[in-house]
C-alpha atoms as a PDB file:
ATOM      1  CA  MET A   1       0.000   0.000   0.000  1.00  0.00           C
ATOM      2  CA  SER A   2       1.231   3.471  -0.670  1.00  0.00           C
ATOM      3  CA  ALA A   3       0.752   6.402   1.636  1.00  0.00           C
ATOM      4  CA  SER A   4       0.024   9.946   0.580  1.00  0.00           C
ATOM      5  CA  PRO A   5       2.227  12.789   1.863  1.00  0.00           C
ATOM      6  CA  LEU A   6      -0.320  13.456   4.586  1.00  0.00           C
ATOM      7  CA  GLY A   7       0.202   9.974   6.044  1.00  0.00           C
ATOM      8  CA  THR A   8      -3.148   8.539   4.953  1.00  0.00           C
ATOM      9  CA  LEU A   9      -3.632   5.754   2.465  1.00  0.00           C
ATOM     10  CA  SER A  10      -3.914   6.814  -1.131  1.00  0.00           C
ATOM     11  CA  ARG A  11      -7.261   6.292  -2.803  1.00  0.00           C
ATOM     12  CA  SER A  12      -6.138   3.307  -4.867  1.00  0.00           C
ATOM     13  CA  SER A  13      -4.495   1.518  -1.926  1.00  0.00           C
ATOM     14  CA  SER A  14      -7.315   2.131   0.527  1.00  0.00           C
ATOM     15  CA  HIS A  15      -9.815   1.054  -2.105  1.00  0.00           C
ATOM     16  CA  ALA A  16      -7.966  -2.264  -2.585  1.00  0.00           C
ATOM     17  CA  VAL A  17      -7.935  -2.953   1.173  1.00  0.00           C
ATOM     18  CA  ALA A  18     -11.609  -2.013   1.511  1.00  0.00           C
ATOM     19  CA  GLU A  19     -12.590  -4.374  -1.309  1.00  0.00           C
ATOM     20  CA  ARG A  20     -10.687  -7.239   0.240  1.00  0.00           C
ATOM     21  CA  GLY A  21     -11.825  -6.472   3.748  1.00  0.00           C
ATOM     22  CA  VAL A  22      -8.592  -7.703   5.297  1.00  0.00           C
ATOM     23  CA  PRO A  23      -4.902  -7.486   4.444  1.00  0.00           C
ATOM     24  CA  PRO A  24      -3.673 -10.300   2.173  1.00  0.00           C
ATOM     25  CA  TYR A  25      -1.597 -11.990   4.904  1.00  0.00           C
ATOM     26  CA  VAL A  26      -4.669 -12.209   7.172  1.00  0.00           C
ATOM     27  CA  HIS A  27      -6.745 -13.598   4.289  1.00  0.00           C
ATOM     28  CA  ASP A  28      -4.091 -16.234   3.581  1.00  0.00           C
ATOM     29  CA  ALA A  29      -3.687 -17.121   7.266  1.00  0.00           C
ATOM     30  CA  ALA A  30      -7.470 -17.568   7.569  1.00  0.00           C
ATOM     31  CA  LEU A  31      -7.473 -19.873   4.545  1.00  0.00           C
ATOM     32  CA  LEU A  32      -4.603 -21.836   6.105  1.00  0.00           C
ATOM     33  CA  LEU A  33      -6.571 -22.274   9.336  1.00  0.00           C
ATOM     34  CA  LEU A  34      -9.681 -23.360   7.430  1.00  0.00           C
ATOM     35  CA  ARG A  35      -7.692 -25.787   5.254  1.00  0.00           C
ATOM     36  CA  VAL A  36      -5.893 -27.385   8.183  1.00  0.00           C
ATOM     37  CA  ALA A  37      -9.030 -27.731  10.335  1.00  0.00           C
ATOM     38  CA  LEU A  38     -11.167 -29.173   7.549  1.00  0.00           C
ATOM     39  CA  GLY A  39      -8.368 -31.246   6.074  1.00  0.00           C
ATOM     40  CA  LEU A  40      -7.316 -32.900   9.308  1.00  0.00           C
ATOM     41  CA  THR A  41     -10.952 -33.538  10.236  1.00  0.00           C
ATOM     42  CA  MET A  42     -11.545 -35.315   6.937  1.00  0.00           C
ATOM     43  CA  ALA A  43      -8.244 -37.197   7.028  1.00  0.00           C
ATOM     44  CA  SER A  44      -9.014 -38.484  10.525  1.00  0.00           C
ATOM     45  CA  HIS A  45     -12.473 -39.660   9.407  1.00  0.00           C
ATOM     46  CA  GLY A  46     -10.820 -41.552   6.572  1.00  0.00           C
ATOM     47  CA  ALA A  47      -8.257 -43.048   8.960  1.00  0.00           C
ATOM     48  CA  GLN A  48     -11.136 -44.274  11.123  1.00  0.00           C
ATOM     49  CA  LYS A  49     -12.515 -46.173   8.138  1.00  0.00           C
ATOM     50  CA  LEU A  50      -9.242 -47.455   6.725  1.00  0.00           C
ATOM     51  CA  PHE A  51      -7.199 -48.213   9.828  1.00  0.00           C
ATOM     52  CA  GLY A  52      -9.564 -48.094  12.804  1.00  0.00           C
ATOM     53  CA  TRP A  53      -7.622 -45.148  14.232  1.00  0.00           C
ATOM     54  CA  PHE A  54      -9.278 -42.563  16.508  1.00  0.00           C
ATOM     55  CA  SER A  55     -11.820 -45.105  17.816  1.00  0.00           C
ATOM     56  CA  GLY A  56     -12.880 -45.985  14.280  1.00  0.00           C
ATOM     57  CA  VAL A  57     -14.465 -49.202  13.114  1.00  0.00           C
ATOM     58  CA  GLY A  58     -11.713 -50.066  10.630  1.00  0.00           C
ATOM     59  CA  LEU A  59     -12.122 -51.391   7.131  1.00  0.00           C
ATOM     60  CA  ASP A  60     -14.224 -54.426   8.048  1.00  0.00           C
ATOM     61  CA  GLY A  61     -16.600 -52.381  10.207  1.00  0.00           C
ATOM     62  CA  ALA A  62     -16.861 -49.589   7.645  1.00  0.00           C
ATOM     63  CA  GLY A  63     -17.486 -52.202   4.957  1.00  0.00           C
ATOM     64  CA  ARG A  64     -20.396 -53.580   6.977  1.00  0.00           C
ATOM     65  CA  VAL A  65     -21.801 -50.064   7.377  1.00  0.00           C
ATOM     66  CA  PHE A  66     -21.643 -49.456   3.617  1.00  0.00           C
ATOM     67  CA  THR A  67     -23.226 -52.849   2.920  1.00  0.00           C
ATOM     68  CA  SER A  68     -26.059 -52.180   5.381  1.00  0.00           C
ATOM     69  CA  ALA A  69     -26.603 -48.792   3.681  1.00  0.00           C
ATOM     70  CA  GLY A  70     -27.247 -50.608   0.397  1.00  0.00           C
ATOM     71  CA  TYR A  71     -23.898 -50.206  -1.351  1.00  0.00           C
ATOM     72  CA  PRO A  72     -22.595 -53.251  -3.228  1.00  0.00           C
ATOM     73  CA  ALA A  73     -19.119 -54.438  -2.229  1.00  0.00           C
ATOM     74  CA  GLY A  74     -19.227 -52.558   1.059  1.00  0.00           C
ATOM     75  CA  LYS A  75     -15.556 -53.072   1.820  1.00  0.00           C
ATOM     76  CA  ALA A  76     -14.524 -51.664  -1.584  1.00  0.00           C
ATOM     77  CA  MET A  77     -16.791 -48.681  -0.999  1.00  0.00           C
ATOM     78  CA  ALA A  78     -15.235 -48.190   2.438  1.00  0.00           C
ATOM     79  CA  VAL A  79     -11.785 -48.163   0.844  1.00  0.00           C
ATOM     80  CA  MET A  80     -12.930 -45.636  -1.775  1.00  0.00           C
ATOM     81  CA  ALA A  81     -14.551 -43.376   0.829  1.00  0.00           C
ATOM     82  CA  GLY A  82     -11.638 -43.707   3.249  1.00  0.00           C
ATOM     83  CA  LEU A  83      -9.048 -42.906   0.575  1.00  0.00           C
ATOM     84  CA  SER A  84     -11.109 -39.949  -0.651  1.00  0.00           C
ATOM     85  CA  GLU A  85     -11.288 -38.609   2.898  1.00  0.00           C
ATOM     86  CA  VAL A  86      -7.620 -39.206   3.726  1.00  0.00           C
ATOM     87  CA  LEU A  87      -6.183 -37.973   0.425  1.00  0.00           C
ATOM     88  CA  GLY A  88      -8.672 -35.122   0.112  1.00  0.00           C
ATOM     89  CA  GLY A  89      -8.109 -34.130   3.727  1.00  0.00           C
ATOM     90  CA  VAL A  90      -4.315 -34.231   3.532  1.00  0.00           C
ATOM     91  CA  GLY A  91      -4.442 -32.343   0.229  1.00  0.00           C
ATOM     92  CA  LEU A  92      -6.578 -29.622   1.805  1.00  0.00           C
ATOM     93  CA  ALA A  93      -4.423 -29.396   4.929  1.00  0.00           C
ATOM     94  CA  LEU A  94      -1.241 -29.021   2.878  1.00  0.00           C
ATOM     95  CA  GLY A  95      -2.796 -26.899   0.161  1.00  0.00           C
ATOM     96  CA  LEU A  96      -1.742 -29.523  -2.376  1.00  0.00           C
ATOM     97  CA  LEU A  97      -3.904 -29.865  -5.478  1.00  0.00           C
ATOM     98  CA  THR A  98      -6.484 -27.991  -3.466  1.00  0.00           C
ATOM     99  CA  SER A  99      -9.279 -27.964  -6.037  1.00  0.00           C
ATOM    100  CA  LEU A 100      -9.088 -31.732  -6.522  1.00  0.00           C
ATOM    101  CA  ALA A 101      -8.768 -32.315  -2.779  1.00  0.00           C
ATOM    102  CA  GLY A 102     -11.897 -30.239  -2.200  1.00  0.00           C
ATOM    103  CA  ALA A 103     -13.678 -32.159  -4.966  1.00  0.00           C
ATOM    104  CA  ALA A 104     -12.818 -35.473  -3.278  1.00  0.00           C
ATOM    105  CA  VAL A 105     -14.371 -34.257  -0.034  1.00  0.00           C
ATOM    106  CA  VAL A 106     -17.453 -32.970  -1.875  1.00  0.00           C
ATOM    107  CA  GLY A 107     -17.939 -36.350  -3.580  1.00  0.00           C
ATOM    108  CA  VAL A 108     -17.895 -38.153  -0.230  1.00  0.00           C
ATOM    109  CA  MET A 109     -20.289 -35.604   1.272  1.00  0.00           C
ATOM    110  CA  VAL A 110     -22.778 -36.067  -1.592  1.00  0.00           C
ATOM    111  CA  ASN A 111     -23.160 -39.656  -0.421  1.00  0.00           C
ATOM    112  CA  ALA A 112     -23.146 -38.773   3.275  1.00  0.00           C
ATOM    113  CA  VAL A 113     -25.932 -36.204   2.782  1.00  0.00           C
ATOM    114  CA  ALA A 114     -27.960 -38.660   0.704  1.00  0.00           C
ATOM    115  CA  LEU A 115     -27.653 -41.339   3.401  1.00  0.00           C
ATOM    116  CA  LYS A 116     -28.743 -39.020   6.200  1.00  0.00           C
ATOM    117  CA  TRP A 117     -31.310 -36.998   4.233  1.00  0.00           C
ATOM    118  CA  GLY A 118     -34.402 -38.383   5.988  1.00  0.00           C
ATOM    119  CA  GLY A 119     -33.015 -37.609   9.454  1.00  0.00           C
ATOM    120  CA  GLY A 120     -33.811 -33.908   9.381  1.00  0.00           C
ATOM    121  CA  PHE A 121     -31.338 -31.066   9.537  1.00  0.00           C
ATOM    122  CA  PHE A 122     -29.807 -31.141  13.016  1.00  0.00           C
ATOM    123  CA  ALA A 123     -27.339 -33.649  14.482  1.00  0.00           C
ATOM    124  CA  PRO A 124     -27.095 -36.403  15.435  1.00  0.00           C
ATOM    125  CA  SER A 125     -29.155 -37.865  12.596  1.00  0.00           C
ATOM    126  CA  GLY A 126     -29.476 -34.750  10.442  1.00  0.00           C
ATOM    127  CA  VAL A 127     -27.334 -33.411   7.613  1.00  0.00           C
ATOM    128  CA  GLU A 128     -26.025 -30.157   9.106  1.00  0.00           C
ATOM    129  CA  TYR A 129     -22.471 -31.431   9.667  1.00  0.00           C
ATOM    130  CA  GLU A 130     -22.188 -32.955   6.194  1.00  0.00           C
ATOM    131  CA  LEU A 131     -23.560 -29.824   4.502  1.00  0.00           C
ATOM    132  CA  ILE A 132     -21.085 -27.587   6.339  1.00  0.00           C
ATOM    133  CA  ILE A 133     -18.178 -29.876   5.407  1.00  0.00           C
ATOM    134  CA  ALA A 134     -19.306 -29.887   1.757  1.00  0.00           C
ATOM    135  CA  ALA A 135     -19.766 -26.110   1.685  1.00  0.00           C
ATOM    136  CA  LEU A 136     -16.311 -25.485   3.161  1.00  0.00           C
ATOM    137  CA  ALA A 137     -14.733 -27.876   0.652  1.00  0.00           C
ATOM    138  CA  VAL A 138     -16.477 -26.050  -2.210  1.00  0.00           C
ATOM    139  CA  VAL A 139     -15.243 -22.691  -0.907  1.00  0.00           C
ATOM    140  CA  LEU A 140     -11.643 -23.902  -0.707  1.00  0.00           C
ATOM    141  CA  ALA A 141     -11.796 -25.521  -4.144  1.00  0.00           C
ATOM    142  CA  VAL A 142     -13.142 -22.350  -5.760  1.00  0.00           C
ATOM    143  CA  VAL A 143     -11.311 -19.647  -3.779  1.00  0.00           C
ATOM    144  CA  GLY A 144      -8.027 -21.538  -3.625  1.00  0.00           C
ATOM    145  CA  PRO A 145      -5.602 -22.372  -0.846  1.00  0.00           C
ATOM    146  CA  GLY A 146      -4.099 -18.950  -0.265  1.00  0.00           C
ATOM    147  CA  ARG A 147      -0.438 -18.045  -0.180  1.00  0.00           C
ATOM    148  CA  TYR A 148       0.607 -20.512   2.535  1.00  0.00           C
ATOM    149  CA  ALA A 149       0.137 -23.692   0.495  1.00  0.00           C
ATOM    150  CA  LEU A 150       2.185 -26.219  -1.434  1.00  0.00           C
ATOM    151  CA  ASP A 151       0.215 -25.325  -4.556  1.00  0.00           C
ATOM    152  CA  ARG A 152       2.201 -22.068  -4.650  1.00  0.00           C
ATOM    153  CA  HIS A 153       5.269 -24.153  -5.566  1.00  0.00           C
ATOM    154  CA  LEU A 154       3.665 -26.177  -8.368  1.00  0.00           C
ATOM    155  CA  PRO A 155       3.876 -24.497 -11.775  1.00  0.00           C
ATOM    156  CA  GLY A 156       0.551 -25.821 -13.082  1.00  0.00           C
ATOM    157  CA  VAL A 157      -1.527 -24.674 -10.120  1.00  0.00           C
ATOM    158  CA  ARG A 158       0.532 -21.780  -8.755  1.00  0.00           C
ATOM    159  CA  ALA A 159      -1.922 -19.210 -10.091  1.00  0.00           C
ATOM    160  CA  HIS A 160      -5.240 -20.558  -8.810  1.00  0.00           C
ATOM    161  CA  ARG A 161      -8.132 -20.126 -11.206  1.00  0.00           C
ATOM    162  CA  ALA A 162     -11.670 -20.164  -9.870  1.00  0.00           C
ATOM    163  CA  GLY A 163     -12.863 -21.864 -13.059  1.00  0.00           C
ATOM    164  CA  HIS A 164     -10.656 -24.857 -12.322  1.00  0.00           C
ATOM    165  CA  GLY A 165     -12.118 -25.011  -8.833  1.00  0.00           C
ATOM    166  CA  VAL A 166     -15.677 -24.897 -10.162  1.00  0.00           C
ATOM    167  CA  ALA A 167     -14.841 -27.652 -12.675  1.00  0.00           C
ATOM    168  CA  ALA A 168     -13.273 -29.785  -9.929  1.00  0.00           C
ATOM    169  CA  VAL A 169     -16.329 -29.354  -7.679  1.00  0.00           C
ATOM    170  CA  PHE A 170     -18.584 -30.299 -10.596  1.00  0.00           C
ATOM    171  CA  LEU A 171     -16.459 -33.416 -11.136  1.00  0.00           C
ATOM    172  CA  GLY A 172     -16.689 -34.275  -7.421  1.00  0.00           C
ATOM    173  CA  VAL A 173     -20.477 -33.921  -7.439  1.00  0.00           C
ATOM    174  CA  VAL A 174     -20.847 -36.004 -10.609  1.00  0.00           C
ATOM    175  CA  LEU A 175     -18.606 -38.782  -9.288  1.00  0.00           C
ATOM    176  CA  GLY A 176     -20.403 -38.688  -5.934  1.00  0.00           C
ATOM    177  CA  VAL A 177     -23.759 -39.063  -7.690  1.00  0.00           C
ATOM    178  CA  ILE A 178     -22.414 -41.928  -9.828  1.00  0.00           C
ATOM    179  CA  VAL A 179     -21.296 -43.765  -6.683  1.00  0.00           C
ATOM    180  CA  LEU A 180     -24.667 -43.023  -5.097  1.00  0.00           C
ATOM    181  CA  MET A 181     -26.425 -44.599  -8.081  1.00  0.00           C
ATOM    182  CA  PHE A 182     -24.827 -47.963  -7.203  1.00  0.00           C
ATOM    183  CA  ARG A 183     -26.613 -47.939  -3.875  1.00  0.00           C
ATOM    184  CA  GLY A 184     -29.505 -50.375  -3.819  1.00  0.00           C
END
């Protein structure tokens, strides 16, 4: 930002800060916090399914849950969901391939919302948690990871484009719906 001789911000600099609402480093730090919180939450949910960590049911238990929910090959579905959660979560936390990581989380949440849809809105049987997770993943995929992310060091994704994020979210929703269609 540039200052005028009178010590106040020049019109162009103050206008840029006002449009953004916060300085860029605060914006990027907030995105980092959001990415890490959401990413580690999702990765730990996936680890519950895949490895039984964090008081999880493990692959066999998760497979039984998917089978009882009407999915064919419950154990394979548990692996797919667990990997999507772990890889999507770690990707979000690190800011690595952020749009695709967000899309992976969105695809899992499409199925989670569909499974819990009849339980109302509020927890424990409602969809509020799943909708918030999905919304946050969409925001990160579209807005991008911010400055404090591994994506900043990858030439192909260094300059985040919202269109790529929208396309990735669309892909996540489509793949989530395709998986949902296999449910009996």
